[in-house]
Amino acid sequence: EDTFPDRRALLEEHRDEVLERIAELQRDLQALTDKINLYQELAQEHAHRH
């Protein structure tokens, strides 16, 4: 029982690291989505000109 606070602290630290990785992946996903949308728009503009 006396190790509960230490174990909890380790779990909280790990949770914080996981949350940061999730945030990083969400930023990466948004960047990819933005690039995909850009290329889709460029392709549509190109198709309308030809």
C-alpha atoms as a PDB file:
ATOM      1  CA  GLU A   1       0.000   0.000   0.000  1.00  0.00           C
ATOM      2  CA  ASP A   2       2.810   2.396   0.722  1.00  0.00           C
ATOM      3  CA  THR A   3       3.848   2.250  -2.943  1.00  0.00           C
ATOM      4  CA  PHE A   4       0.430   3.326  -4.228  1.00  0.00           C
ATOM      5  CA  PRO A   5       1.397   7.018  -4.529  1.00  0.00           C
ATOM      6  CA  ASP A   6       4.566   6.142  -6.457  1.00  0.00           C
ATOM      7  CA  ARG A   7       2.747   3.761  -8.780  1.00  0.00           C
ATOM      8  CA  ARG A   8       0.006   6.305  -9.339  1.00  0.00           C
ATOM      9  CA  ALA A   9       2.597   8.986 -10.141  1.00  0.00           C
ATOM     10  CA  LEU A  10       4.241   6.690 -12.696  1.00  0.00           C
ATOM     11  CA  LEU A  11       0.891   5.971 -14.308  1.00  0.00           C
ATOM     12  CA  GLU A  12       0.051   9.674 -14.444  1.00  0.00           C
ATOM     13  CA  GLU A  13       3.420  10.425 -16.031  1.00  0.00           C
ATOM     14  CA  HIS A  14       2.883   7.711 -18.612  1.00  0.00           C
ATOM     15  CA  ARG A  15      -0.629   9.032 -19.294  1.00  0.00           C
ATOM     16  CA  ASP A  16       0.786  12.511 -19.908  1.00  0.00           C
ATOM     17  CA  GLU A  17       3.333  11.089 -22.360  1.00  0.00           C
ATOM     18  CA  VAL A  18       0.597   9.195 -24.206  1.00  0.00           C
ATOM     19  CA  LEU A  19      -1.550  12.333 -24.382  1.00  0.00           C
ATOM     20  CA  GLU A  20       1.368  14.267 -25.872  1.00  0.00           C
ATOM     21  CA  ARG A  21       1.917  11.549 -28.490  1.00  0.00           C
ATOM     22  CA  ILE A  22      -1.787  11.650 -29.340  1.00  0.00           C
ATOM     23  CA  ALA A  23      -1.615  15.437 -29.733  1.00  0.00           C
ATOM     24  CA  GLU A  24       1.426  15.076 -31.992  1.00  0.00           C
ATOM     25  CA  LEU A  25      -0.360  12.485 -34.123  1.00  0.00           C
ATOM     26  CA  GLN A  26      -3.405  14.745 -34.365  1.00  0.00           C
ATOM     27  CA  ARG A  27      -1.192  17.595 -35.608  1.00  0.00           C
ATOM     28  CA  ASP A  28       0.400  15.266 -38.155  1.00  0.00           C
ATOM     29  CA  LEU A  29      -3.010  14.030 -39.273  1.00  0.00           C
ATOM     30  CA  GLN A  30      -4.253  17.601 -39.729  1.00  0.00           C
ATOM     31  CA  ALA A  31      -1.196  18.488 -41.810  1.00  0.00           C
ATOM     32  CA  LEU A  32      -1.767  15.443 -44.022  1.00  0.00           C
ATOM     33  CA  THR A  33      -5.455  16.264 -44.404  1.00  0.00           C
ATOM     34  CA  ASP A  34      -4.606  19.849 -45.354  1.00  0.00           C
ATOM     35  CA  LYS A  35      -2.132  18.655 -48.002  1.00  0.00           C
ATOM     36  CA  ILE A  36      -4.626  16.141 -49.400  1.00  0.00           C
ATOM     37  CA  ASN A  37      -7.265  18.872 -49.630  1.00  0.00           C
ATOM     38  CA  LEU A  38      -4.807  21.204 -51.350  1.00  0.00           C
ATOM     39  CA  TYR A  39      -3.928  18.608 -53.984  1.00  0.00           C
ATOM     40  CA  GLN A  40      -7.605  17.825 -54.482  1.00  0.00           C
ATOM     41  CA  GLU A  41      -8.344  21.512 -55.082  1.00  0.00           C
ATOM     42  CA  LEU A  42      -5.399  21.835 -57.469  1.00  0.00           C
ATOM     43  CA  ALA A  43      -6.552  18.772 -59.406  1.00  0.00           C
ATOM     44  CA  GLN A  44     -10.065  20.190 -59.706  1.00  0.00           C
ATOM     45  CA  GLU A  45      -8.739  23.539 -60.919  1.00  0.00           C
ATOM     46  CA  HIS A  46      -6.543  21.762 -63.457  1.00  0.00           C
ATOM     47  CA  ALA A  47      -9.485  19.671 -64.685  1.00  0.00           C
ATOM     48  CA  HIS A  48     -11.658  22.758 -65.167  1.00  0.00           C
ATOM     49  CA  ARG A  49      -8.982  24.460 -67.272  1.00  0.00           C
ATOM     50  CA  HIS A  50      -8.579  21.503 -69.626  1.00  0.00           C
END
